[in-house]
Amino acid sequence: MAAKESDVMKLKHIMAENKVSGAYLFYGQELYLRDIYIERFCGLIPDDGFREFNLITLDGRQTDNSSALDAIESFPIGGERKLVIIRDSGIFKKPGEGAVEFWGNELKNLPEFCILVFVEDDVDKRSSLYKTITKTGTAVEFAYLKPYELCAWVQHEVLKAKRKMNKDAIEYLISICQEGLINLNNELQKLLTFCDEEITAGDVRRVAAKSLSVQVFDLSDAIMDKNTDRALEILNDLKTVKESAFTILYLLNSAFDKMLLSKLMLNDGASVCEIEQKLGLPPFIAKKYYNSAKKFSVQFLIARVSRVPEIDLSIKQGKISEWEALYDFVFEALREQ
């Protein structure tokens, strides 16, 4: 069975075939790609002295129906089409009074000369207006890219810069970056600026910043190695940059929870592929959890995961501060390991 074509690929084909028309809904977590396509849509309107009349951007939170209607239905000047972009309207999640009727009618009767683009951070796919725009227009979810897509994207950017970077270095870069192409691109640009022609995994370790979740995983490694000095160094660094102790505690708990699941599955004879599928993580990230799981006992992992609700309650009752609780949790783990 052929793989389902992604929303973004469909949009790419629409643009390649010069068939952009009607209404669009752009939403999803991958803001970098979303903004690229917004710019490409804006490029459809020529900069010929009439652009300000034919390219209109509205703040959906401050735009009433009358203003939106005027922007959409007024004829383009000096050209055949116009582009209206409405940001953060919220109508695809919590439409205001009369919004469903008004926009339901507009989406079904959009003038042929108008390209209408809604840009939303979040939508409810069960809403009537979401269902309407999927029938009368095009809804495009800009989801985070899959690991193989991220690898291909990095390779493309590296080649475009006339540099080299092997698969291991690319996968390592992806594994330590916070989700999203904005973050990945920021770290890649640092590598392209400060490294030699061929970017190695060592360069990535030296130059690229690790996401909070990766730093927390480093903390679990320090616990596993009974390296008190390293654990204290990581905690102090995170405190210095004012990370949330509560967030760190729950990321650490999540890491131990994934290791526990991996450990139990390994003990039951599960394959590596089965563990990766259960964790719902790409292989080169899941690998870190099941390899680390082999070095902890089931009893230790259960104790760590069970301890967090107790600490959470103590924090909420005001018996201990968040950072004091986090330090206690880590040093307890170091003693037990």
Foldseek 3Di string as FASTA:
>chain_A
DDDDDALVVVVVVCVVVVNQWAEEEEEADFVVVVVVVVVVVLVVQDPPVQSPLQEEEEALVPDDLVNVCCSQPDAGPPDQAGEYEYEANCCQADNDPPRCVSVLVCRQVGDGRYYYYYYYHDGDCVDPVVVSCVVSHGYHYPYFDDPVVQLVVLCVVLVVLVAAEDPVLSSLLVLFFDTYPVRSVVQSVQCSVPHDRYRYNVSCVVRGDGDLLVLLLVLVVCLLVLPPVVNVVSLVVCVVVPDFLLVSLVSNLVLLVLLLVLLVCVVVVHDLVVSCVVVVHPSVNSVSSNVSSVSDDNVLSVVLNVCVVVLVVCCVVVVDPSSVSSVVSSVVSSVVD
